[in-house]
Protein backbone atom coordinates (compact mmCIF):
# COMPACT_ATOMS: atom_id res chain seq x y z
CA MET A 1 21.93 127.65 44.41
CA ALA A 2 24.46 130.24 43.66
CA ASN A 3 26.53 129.89 40.40
CA GLU A 4 29.32 127.42 41.52
CA ASN A 5 31.56 128.40 38.33
CA PRO A 6 31.20 132.56 37.79
CA GLN A 7 32.67 133.57 34.83
CA GLN A 8 36.29 135.34 35.25
CA GLN A 9 37.51 138.10 33.09
CA ILE A 10 40.92 138.12 31.90
CA GLN A 11 42.70 141.28 30.97
CA ILE A 12 45.59 140.72 28.25
CA GLN A 13 48.13 143.19 28.02
CA ASP A 14 50.02 143.64 24.56
CA PRO A 15 53.33 145.54 25.07
CA ILE A 16 54.64 145.00 21.65
CA PRO A 17 54.40 148.23 19.54
CA GLY A 18 52.53 148.17 16.32
CA GLY A 19 50.72 144.84 17.33
CA GLY A 20 53.54 142.32 15.97
CA GLU A 21 57.22 141.76 14.49
CA TYR A 22 57.64 140.51 11.33
CA SER A 23 59.48 137.19 10.93
CA ASN A 24 60.66 135.09 8.15
CA TRP A 25 62.72 132.64 9.82
CA ALA A 26 61.98 130.04 12.64
CA HIS A 27 63.57 127.22 14.65
CA ILE A 28 61.72 124.94 16.50
CA ALA A 29 63.15 122.59 18.95
CA HIS A 30 61.78 120.27 21.73
CA ASN A 31 62.80 117.73 24.44
CA LYS A 32 60.11 115.88 26.62
CA GLU A 33 58.42 118.49 28.56
CA GLU A 34 58.54 121.69 26.33
CA PHE A 35 58.83 123.06 22.73
CA ARG A 36 60.88 126.24 21.90
CA MET A 37 60.08 128.21 19.09
CA THR A 38 62.36 130.98 18.20
CA PHE A 39 61.29 133.45 15.60
CA GLY A 40 63.36 136.07 13.55
CA ASN A 41 63.90 138.61 10.59
CA VAL A 42 66.80 137.80 8.54
CA MET A 43 67.88 139.93 5.67
CA ALA A 44 71.48 139.27 4.39
CA PRO A 45 74.23 139.84 5.80
CA ALA A 46 72.37 139.94 9.29
CA GLY A 47 69.35 139.33 11.00
CA ARG A 48 67.45 139.56 14.50
CA VAL A 49 65.65 137.31 16.76
CA THR A 50 62.01 139.14 16.81
CA ALA A 51 60.45 136.54 19.62
CA LYS A 52 61.00 133.36 21.54
CA LEU A 53 57.99 130.92 22.65
CA VAL A 54 58.19 128.12 25.35
CA THR A 55 55.43 125.98 25.46
CA THR A 56 54.16 122.42 26.90
CA PRO A 57 53.56 119.67 24.01
CA SER A 58 49.62 119.81 24.24
CA HIS A 59 49.67 123.64 23.60
CA PHE A 60 52.20 123.22 20.86
CA LYS A 61 49.57 120.73 19.13
CA SER A 62 46.81 123.24 19.93
CA ILE A 63 48.75 126.23 18.20
CA VAL A 64 49.60 123.69 15.34
CA ASN A 65 45.95 122.92 14.75
CA ALA A 66 44.78 126.38 14.90
CA MET A 67 47.51 127.49 12.44
CA MET A 68 46.38 124.67 10.06
CA GLU A 69 42.52 125.64 10.37
CA ASN A 70 43.33 129.05 9.84
CA LEU A 71 45.56 128.16 6.57
CA LYS A 72 42.77 126.10 5.44
CA MET A 73 40.12 129.05 5.71
CA TYR A 74 43.13 131.65 4.20
CA GLU A 75 43.14 129.42 1.19
CA LYS A 76 39.54 128.91 0.74
CA ALA A 77 39.14 132.81 0.69
CA PHE A 78 42.20 133.54 -1.58
CA GLY A 79 43.51 130.59 -3.20
CA ALA A 80 46.47 128.04 -2.75
CA ILE A 81 49.63 129.33 -1.40
CA ALA A 82 52.64 128.30 -3.42
CA GLU A 83 55.36 127.04 -1.10
CA SER A 84 59.04 128.69 -1.33
CA LYS A 85 61.64 127.06 -3.30
CA PRO A 86 64.37 125.70 -1.00
CA VAL A 87 67.33 127.89 -0.66
CA GLU A 88 70.13 126.83 -3.21
CA GLY A 89 73.72 126.78 -1.33
CA GLU A 90 74.71 126.69 2.13
CA ILE A 91 72.66 128.97 4.56
CA GLY A 92 72.74 128.84 8.44
CA PHE A 93 75.22 130.43 11.23
CA LYS A 94 78.50 129.19 11.72
CA SER A 95 80.53 128.90 14.88
CA LYS A 96 84.10 130.65 14.77
CA ASP A 97 86.13 127.59 15.60
């Protein structure tokens, strides 16, 4: 009997030069059907969006689980990461009303 589930090879293209964009800011929002993640690089007085991702709730949960597992491995290898202190004062984007 022939293999009913032949292995499929997927070719992934990476058009991002240098392998990635630096991000020190993220905004995550959701509705019932999707999670939206926007990443940016902010250096006062300006910033720029470096990536936007939209995914399903189940894929988002898989991403979060993979990130938590990698964080555990990182801290096991290099020690605990100290959390950043909250920013004092007002921060954010304002509309010109």
